[in-house]
Amino acid sequence: MIEPTAAAASINATLTPQIQRQQAESGAPAEGTQQASDFPQQPSRSDEKTFSTNEPKPTQTTDELGTAELRLVQELKSRDQAVRAHELAHLAAAGQYARGGAQFDYKVGPDGNRYAVGGEVSIDSSRESDPQKTLEKAETIRQAALAPADPSSQDRRVAMQATAMAAQARVEIAREQAQAGTPEESQQTRSAANGINQLLTVQSADQPDPVLIDMSA
């Protein structure tokens, strides 16, 4: 069904009944009137969609690329897939401790497309108020750091820092348990905890708290 435009409907509404009868008998429009076809037609929504989809794209087809460029595109595609899989493994293992999604570094290929060549995932490494929760968090961070099939050197450093964080939490747990035990058990537990704590202090003196798990290009 075709609806008249607003202009044609207004003109038809001003015709007298007599003129309307004359029009009906003769089949011709009255003087001073215009057919709906005389009015400019507005483009339909489908036309507008056609205009937008026909806009040129800045990318190139593989037929327009040389052999060296095609090889580079394939390398970038492989790198992109590897980087995304790497960071996805971090995210999946980090769970609630991940700070947002993965951040990627991109490179534009000869075909005009962007490919991920590096990335990183931020992880909350702050200590919890309860040592048991801190221990669980540290173990999760370590698992997240080593989750990819090919952990980077940065990933391994974060895993080591998470291991130290977990050991420190175990020391705090042992101290709490010692306070609740017998005097003899408490003394033995405190001595063991102090020894572990001194070792951790030496190992982690120059290591900042882990906050990033990343894969660099």
C-alpha atoms as a PDB file:
ATOM      1  CA  MET A   1       0.000   0.000   0.000  1.00  0.00           C
ATOM      2  CA  ILE A   2       1.307   3.456  -0.982  1.00  0.00           C
ATOM      3  CA  GLU A   3       0.377   6.328   1.301  1.00  0.00           C
ATOM      4  CA  PRO A   4       0.161   9.884  -0.097  1.00  0.00           C
ATOM      5  CA  THR A   5       2.746  12.390   0.996  1.00  0.00           C
ATOM      6  CA  ALA A   6       1.717  15.115   3.436  1.00  0.00           C
ATOM      7  CA  ALA A   7       1.652  17.807   0.681  1.00  0.00           C
ATOM      8  CA  ALA A   8      -0.692  15.886  -1.633  1.00  0.00           C
ATOM      9  CA  ALA A   9      -3.095  15.089   1.197  1.00  0.00           C
ATOM     10  CA  SER A  10      -3.313  18.777   2.157  1.00  0.00           C
ATOM     11  CA  ILE A  11      -4.178  19.903  -1.373  1.00  0.00           C
ATOM     12  CA  ASN A  12      -6.856  17.246  -1.810  1.00  0.00           C
ATOM     13  CA  ALA A  13      -8.441  18.299   1.493  1.00  0.00           C
ATOM     14  CA  THR A  14      -9.173  21.841   0.126  1.00  0.00           C
ATOM     15  CA  LEU A  15     -11.243  20.719  -2.869  1.00  0.00           C
ATOM     16  CA  THR A  16     -14.971  21.566  -2.744  1.00  0.00           C
ATOM     17  CA  PRO A  17     -17.500  18.758  -2.982  1.00  0.00           C
ATOM     18  CA  GLN A  18     -18.539  20.014  -6.457  1.00  0.00           C
ATOM     19  CA  ILE A  19     -15.014  19.843  -7.806  1.00  0.00           C
ATOM     20  CA  GLN A  20     -14.570  16.448  -6.243  1.00  0.00           C
ATOM     21  CA  ARG A  21     -17.709  15.231  -8.060  1.00  0.00           C
ATOM     22  CA  GLN A  22     -16.385  16.670 -11.334  1.00  0.00           C
ATOM     23  CA  GLN A  23     -13.150  14.842 -10.795  1.00  0.00           C
ATOM     24  CA  ALA A  24     -14.970  11.623 -10.115  1.00  0.00           C
ATOM     25  CA  GLU A  25     -17.078  11.965 -13.295  1.00  0.00           C
ATOM     26  CA  SER A  26     -14.308  13.087 -15.653  1.00  0.00           C
ATOM     27  CA  GLY A  27     -11.473  11.158 -14.063  1.00  0.00           C
ATOM     28  CA  ALA A  28      -9.170  14.194 -14.490  1.00  0.00           C
ATOM     29  CA  PRO A  29      -7.635  16.303 -11.737  1.00  0.00           C
ATOM     30  CA  ALA A  30      -9.062  19.733 -11.055  1.00  0.00           C
ATOM     31  CA  GLU A  31      -7.185  22.847 -12.147  1.00  0.00           C
ATOM     32  CA  GLY A  32      -4.541  23.911  -9.699  1.00  0.00           C
ATOM     33  CA  THR A  33      -4.051  20.426  -8.341  1.00  0.00           C
ATOM     34  CA  GLN A  34      -1.031  18.181  -8.714  1.00  0.00           C
ATOM     35  CA  GLN A  35      -0.699  14.462  -8.926  1.00  0.00           C
ATOM     36  CA  ALA A  36       1.124  12.746  -6.112  1.00  0.00           C
ATOM     37  CA  SER A  37       3.730  11.739  -8.694  1.00  0.00           C
ATOM     38  CA  ASP A  38       4.532  15.440  -9.297  1.00  0.00           C
ATOM     39  CA  PHE A  39       5.995  15.771  -5.801  1.00  0.00           C
ATOM     40  CA  PRO A  40       9.620  14.842  -5.206  1.00  0.00           C
ATOM     41  CA  GLN A  41       9.955  11.393  -3.723  1.00  0.00           C
ATOM     42  CA  GLN A  42      11.960  10.913  -0.544  1.00  0.00           C
ATOM     43  CA  PRO A  43      14.504   8.110  -0.672  1.00  0.00           C
ATOM     44  CA  SER A  44      13.279   5.007   1.099  1.00  0.00           C
ATOM     45  CA  ARG A  45      15.179   3.402   3.983  1.00  0.00           C
ATOM     46  CA  SER A  46      16.261   0.592   1.728  1.00  0.00           C
ATOM     47  CA  ASP A  47      17.828   3.161  -0.627  1.00  0.00           C
ATOM     48  CA  GLU A  48      19.723   4.728   2.261  1.00  0.00           C
ATOM     49  CA  LYS A  49      21.098   1.333   3.285  1.00  0.00           C
ATOM     50  CA  THR A  50      22.198   0.720  -0.284  1.00  0.00           C
ATOM     51  CA  PHE A  51      24.082   4.015  -0.333  1.00  0.00           C
ATOM     52  CA  SER A  52      25.951   3.187   2.891  1.00  0.00           C
ATOM     53  CA  THR A  53      26.875  -0.349   1.880  1.00  0.00           C
ATOM     54  CA  ASN A  54      28.314   0.831  -1.430  1.00  0.00           C
ATOM     55  CA  GLU A  55      30.923   3.049   0.219  1.00  0.00           C
ATOM     56  CA  PRO A  56      34.476   2.072  -0.786  1.00  0.00           C
ATOM     57  CA  LYS A  57      36.565   0.190   1.767  1.00  0.00           C
ATOM     58  CA  PRO A  58      40.237   0.996   2.398  1.00  0.00           C
ATOM     59  CA  THR A  59      41.263  -2.657   2.376  1.00  0.00           C
ATOM     60  CA  GLN A  60      42.829  -4.498  -0.531  1.00  0.00           C
ATOM     61  CA  THR A  61      41.938  -7.897  -1.883  1.00  0.00           C
ATOM     62  CA  THR A  62      44.526 -10.659  -1.952  1.00  0.00           C
ATOM     63  CA  ASP A  63      44.590 -10.442  -5.756  1.00  0.00           C
ATOM     64  CA  GLU A  64      46.071  -6.936  -5.484  1.00  0.00           C
ATOM     65  CA  LEU A  65      48.941  -7.969  -3.190  1.00  0.00           C
ATOM     66  CA  GLY A  66      52.342  -9.277  -4.176  1.00  0.00           C
ATOM     67  CA  THR A  67      53.922 -12.510  -2.980  1.00  0.00           C
ATOM     68  CA  ALA A  68      55.904 -10.859  -0.177  1.00  0.00           C
ATOM     69  CA  GLU A  69      52.862  -8.928   1.003  1.00  0.00           C
ATOM     70  CA  LEU A  70      50.718 -12.067   1.017  1.00  0.00           C
ATOM     71  CA  ARG A  71      53.341 -13.840   3.110  1.00  0.00           C
ATOM     72  CA  LEU A  72      53.376 -10.948   5.582  1.00  0.00           C
ATOM     73  CA  VAL A  73      49.576 -10.992   5.838  1.00  0.00           C
ATOM     74  CA  GLN A  74      49.632 -14.701   6.661  1.00  0.00           C
ATOM     75  CA  GLU A  75      52.283 -14.130   9.328  1.00  0.00           C
ATOM     76  CA  LEU A  76      50.234 -11.328  10.862  1.00  0.00           C
ATOM     77  CA  LYS A  77      47.122 -13.498  10.877  1.00  0.00           C
ATOM     78  CA  SER A  78      48.985 -16.269  12.671  1.00  0.00           C
ATOM     79  CA  ARG A  79      50.440 -13.805  15.167  1.00  0.00           C
ATOM     80  CA  ASP A  80      47.004 -12.295  15.783  1.00  0.00           C
ATOM     81  CA  GLN A  81      45.488 -15.694  16.554  1.00  0.00           C
ATOM     82  CA  ALA A  82      48.363 -16.645  18.860  1.00  0.00           C
ATOM     83  CA  VAL A  83      48.228 -13.364  20.796  1.00  0.00           C
ATOM     84  CA  ARG A  84      44.467 -13.531  21.292  1.00  0.00           C
ATOM     85  CA  ALA A  85      44.614 -17.163  22.416  1.00  0.00           C
ATOM     86  CA  HIS A  86      47.433 -16.295  24.833  1.00  0.00           C
ATOM     87  CA  GLU A  87      45.556 -13.430  26.480  1.00  0.00           C
ATOM     88  CA  LEU A  88      42.288 -15.377  26.525  1.00  0.00           C
ATOM     89  CA  ALA A  89      44.036 -18.097  28.534  1.00  0.00           C
ATOM     90  CA  HIS A  90      45.159 -15.467  31.054  1.00  0.00           C
ATOM     91  CA  LEU A  91      41.644 -14.053  31.349  1.00  0.00           C
ATOM     92  CA  ALA A  92      39.965 -17.424  31.756  1.00  0.00           C
ATOM     93  CA  ALA A  93      42.324 -18.459  34.563  1.00  0.00           C
ATOM     94  CA  ALA A  94      42.365 -15.069  36.326  1.00  0.00           C
ATOM     95  CA  GLY A  95      38.604 -15.040  36.803  1.00  0.00           C
ATOM     96  CA  GLN A  96      37.386 -12.347  39.200  1.00  0.00           C
ATOM     97  CA  TYR A  97      40.877 -10.913  39.657  1.00  0.00           C
ATOM     98  CA  ALA A  98      41.189  -9.728  36.039  1.00  0.00           C
ATOM     99  CA  ARG A  99      40.898  -5.962  35.659  1.00  0.00           C
ATOM    100  CA  GLY A 100      38.758  -5.633  32.571  1.00  0.00           C
ATOM    101  CA  GLY A 101      39.568  -7.323  29.288  1.00  0.00           C
ATOM    102  CA  ALA A 102      42.792  -7.804  27.396  1.00  0.00           C
ATOM    103  CA  GLN A 103      44.596  -4.824  25.861  1.00  0.00           C
ATOM    104  CA  PHE A 104      46.228  -5.345  22.469  1.00  0.00           C
ATOM    105  CA  ASP A 105      48.915  -3.660  20.395  1.00  0.00           C
ATOM    106  CA  TYR A 106      48.022  -3.596  16.704  1.00  0.00           C
ATOM    107  CA  LYS A 107      49.872  -3.450  13.421  1.00  0.00           C
ATOM    108  CA  VAL A 108      48.273  -2.580  10.079  1.00  0.00           C
ATOM    109  CA  GLY A 109      49.016  -5.139   7.385  1.00  0.00           C
ATOM    110  CA  PRO A 110      49.470  -4.611   3.629  1.00  0.00           C
ATOM    111  CA  ASP A 111      45.784  -5.457   3.184  1.00  0.00           C
ATOM    112  CA  GLY A 112      44.716  -2.522   5.375  1.00  0.00           C
ATOM    113  CA  ASN A 113      43.496  -4.684   8.268  1.00  0.00           C
ATOM    114  CA  ARG A 114      44.694  -4.400  11.873  1.00  0.00           C
ATOM    115  CA  TYR A 115      46.335  -7.411  13.514  1.00  0.00           C
ATOM    116  CA  ALA A 116      47.159  -7.924  17.194  1.00  0.00           C
ATOM    117  CA  VAL A 117      50.907  -8.350  17.665  1.00  0.00           C
ATOM    118  CA  GLY A 118      51.080  -7.986  21.452  1.00  0.00           C
ATOM    119  CA  GLY A 119      48.816  -7.808  24.452  1.00  0.00           C
ATOM    120  CA  GLU A 120      48.480  -7.694  28.197  1.00  0.00           C
ATOM    121  CA  VAL A 121      45.976  -8.530  30.926  1.00  0.00           C
ATOM    122  CA  SER A 122      45.873  -6.547  34.174  1.00  0.00           C
ATOM    123  CA  ILE A 123      45.317  -8.556  37.347  1.00  0.00           C
ATOM    124  CA  ASP A 124      44.508  -7.362  40.860  1.00  0.00           C
ATOM    125  CA  SER A 125      47.435  -8.474  43.016  1.00  0.00           C
ATOM    126  CA  SER A 126      46.593  -6.621  46.223  1.00  0.00           C
ATOM    127  CA  ARG A 127      46.657  -8.622  49.434  1.00  0.00           C
ATOM    128  CA  GLU A 128      43.386  -9.564  51.087  1.00  0.00           C
ATOM    129  CA  SER A 129      42.584  -8.836  54.729  1.00  0.00           C
ATOM    130  CA  ASP A 130      42.471 -12.555  55.493  1.00  0.00           C
ATOM    131  CA  PRO A 131      45.677 -14.586  54.869  1.00  0.00           C
ATOM    132  CA  GLN A 132      43.696 -17.606  53.676  1.00  0.00           C
ATOM    133  CA  LYS A 133      42.023 -15.485  50.995  1.00  0.00           C
ATOM    134  CA  THR A 134      45.405 -14.011  50.101  1.00  0.00           C
ATOM    135  CA  LEU A 135      46.765 -17.534  49.665  1.00  0.00           C
ATOM    136  CA  GLU A 136      43.896 -18.503  47.366  1.00  0.00           C
ATOM    137  CA  LYS A 137      44.340 -15.297  45.374  1.00  0.00           C
ATOM    138  CA  ALA A 138      48.089 -15.832  44.977  1.00  0.00           C
ATOM    139  CA  GLU A 139      47.550 -19.364  43.727  1.00  0.00           C
ATOM    140  CA  THR A 140      44.996 -18.107  41.208  1.00  0.00           C
ATOM    141  CA  ILE A 141      47.407 -15.437  39.965  1.00  0.00           C
ATOM    142  CA  ARG A 142      50.141 -18.033  39.526  1.00  0.00           C
ATOM    143  CA  GLN A 143      47.809 -20.300  37.559  1.00  0.00           C
ATOM    144  CA  ALA A 144      46.742 -17.360  35.391  1.00  0.00           C
ATOM    145  CA  ALA A 145      50.350 -16.399  34.682  1.00  0.00           C
ATOM    146  CA  LEU A 146      51.217 -19.908  33.505  1.00  0.00           C
ATOM    147  CA  ALA A 147      47.895 -20.627  31.788  1.00  0.00           C
ATOM    148  CA  PRO A 148      49.041 -20.084  28.160  1.00  0.00           C
ATOM    149  CA  ALA A 149      50.837 -22.879  26.367  1.00  0.00           C
ATOM    150  CA  ASP A 150      53.845 -20.579  25.859  1.00  0.00           C
ATOM    151  CA  PRO A 151      54.277 -18.335  28.937  1.00  0.00           C
ATOM    152  CA  SER A 152      56.448 -15.302  28.265  1.00  0.00           C
ATOM    153  CA  SER A 153      59.353 -14.239  30.481  1.00  0.00           C
ATOM    154  CA  GLN A 154      57.070 -11.638  32.065  1.00  0.00           C
ATOM    155  CA  ASP A 155      54.477 -14.340  32.741  1.00  0.00           C
ATOM    156  CA  ARG A 156      57.091 -16.449  34.531  1.00  0.00           C
ATOM    157  CA  ARG A 157      58.213 -13.490  36.648  1.00  0.00           C
ATOM    158  CA  VAL A 158      54.622 -12.879  37.728  1.00  0.00           C
ATOM    159  CA  ALA A 159      54.275 -16.570  38.584  1.00  0.00           C
ATOM    160  CA  MET A 160      57.369 -16.366  40.809  1.00  0.00           C
ATOM    161  CA  GLN A 161      56.019 -13.280  42.559  1.00  0.00           C
ATOM    162  CA  ALA A 162      52.691 -15.002  43.112  1.00  0.00           C
ATOM    163  CA  THR A 163      54.534 -17.976  44.605  1.00  0.00           C
ATOM    164  CA  ALA A 164      56.272 -15.658  47.085  1.00  0.00           C
ATOM    165  CA  MET A 165      52.945 -14.022  47.891  1.00  0.00           C
ATOM    166  CA  ALA A 166      51.417 -17.431  48.611  1.00  0.00           C
ATOM    167  CA  ALA A 167      54.333 -18.432  50.842  1.00  0.00           C
ATOM    168  CA  GLN A 168      53.975 -15.225  52.837  1.00  0.00           C
ATOM    169  CA  ALA A 169      50.282 -15.947  53.306  1.00  0.00           C
ATOM    170  CA  ARG A 170      51.121 -19.431  54.577  1.00  0.00           C
ATOM    171  CA  VAL A 171      53.455 -17.879  57.143  1.00  0.00           C
ATOM    172  CA  GLU A 172      50.665 -15.644  58.401  1.00  0.00           C
ATOM    173  CA  ILE A 173      48.290 -18.608  58.569  1.00  0.00           C
ATOM    174  CA  ALA A 174      50.868 -20.579  60.559  1.00  0.00           C
ATOM    175  CA  ARG A 175      51.282 -17.724  63.027  1.00  0.00           C
ATOM    176  CA  GLU A 176      47.548 -17.526  63.579  1.00  0.00           C
ATOM    177  CA  GLN A 177      47.407 -21.257  64.167  1.00  0.00           C
ATOM    178  CA  ALA A 178      50.354 -21.028  66.569  1.00  0.00           C
ATOM    179  CA  GLN A 179      48.538 -18.485  68.685  1.00  0.00           C
ATOM    180  CA  ALA A 180      45.679 -20.925  69.125  1.00  0.00           C
ATOM    181  CA  GLY A 181      47.887 -23.966  69.981  1.00  0.00           C
ATOM    182  CA  THR A 182      49.887 -25.112  73.017  1.00  0.00           C
ATOM    183  CA  PRO A 183      52.962 -23.092  74.078  1.00  0.00           C
ATOM    184  CA  GLU A 184      55.338 -25.778  72.743  1.00  0.00           C
ATOM    185  CA  GLU A 185      53.551 -26.032  69.391  1.00  0.00           C
ATOM    186  CA  SER A 186      53.380 -22.261  69.181  1.00  0.00           C
ATOM    187  CA  GLN A 187      57.140 -21.893  69.672  1.00  0.00           C
ATOM    188  CA  GLN A 188      57.937 -24.474  66.971  1.00  0.00           C
ATOM    189  CA  THR A 189      55.497 -22.910  64.538  1.00  0.00           C
ATOM    190  CA  ARG A 190      56.815 -19.403  65.167  1.00  0.00           C
ATOM    191  CA  SER A 191      60.412 -20.534  64.609  1.00  0.00           C
ATOM    192  CA  ALA A 192      59.521 -22.195  61.314  1.00  0.00           C
ATOM    193  CA  ALA A 193      57.472 -19.211  60.232  1.00  0.00           C
ATOM    194  CA  ASN A 194      60.283 -16.764  61.028  1.00  0.00           C
ATOM    195  CA  GLY A 195      62.739 -18.830  58.984  1.00  0.00           C
ATOM    196  CA  ILE A 196      60.437 -18.857  55.986  1.00  0.00           C
ATOM    197  CA  ASN A 197      59.726 -15.160  56.384  1.00  0.00           C
ATOM    198  CA  GLN A 198      63.439 -14.262  56.353  1.00  0.00           C
ATOM    199  CA  LEU A 199      63.939 -16.325  53.198  1.00  0.00           C
ATOM    200  CA  LEU A 200      61.017 -14.614  51.497  1.00  0.00           C
ATOM    201  CA  THR A 201      62.336 -11.184  52.465  1.00  0.00           C
ATOM    202  CA  VAL A 202      65.648 -11.884  50.725  1.00  0.00           C
ATOM    203  CA  GLN A 203      64.042 -13.333  47.607  1.00  0.00           C
ATOM    204  CA  SER A 204      61.368 -10.695  47.117  1.00  0.00           C
ATOM    205  CA  ALA A 205      63.172  -7.543  48.277  1.00  0.00           C
ATOM    206  CA  ASP A 206      63.547  -6.190  44.740  1.00  0.00           C
ATOM    207  CA  GLN A 207      60.312  -7.569  43.304  1.00  0.00           C
ATOM    208  CA  PRO A 208      57.241  -5.284  43.051  1.00  0.00           C
ATOM    209  CA  ASP A 209      53.753  -6.626  43.563  1.00  0.00           C
ATOM    210  CA  PRO A 210      52.563  -8.340  40.380  1.00  0.00           C
ATOM    211  CA  VAL A 211      49.944  -6.292  38.583  1.00  0.00           C
ATOM    212  CA  LEU A 212      50.326  -7.227  34.925  1.00  0.00           C
ATOM    213  CA  ILE A 213      50.357 -10.431  32.948  1.00  0.00           C
ATOM    214  CA  ASP A 214      51.335  -9.603  29.419  1.00  0.00           C
ATOM    215  CA  MET A 215      52.657 -10.992  26.157  1.00  0.00           C
ATOM    216  CA  SER A 216      54.890  -8.569  24.335  1.00  0.00           C
ATOM    217  CA  ALA A 217      55.546  -8.504  20.626  1.00  0.00           C
END
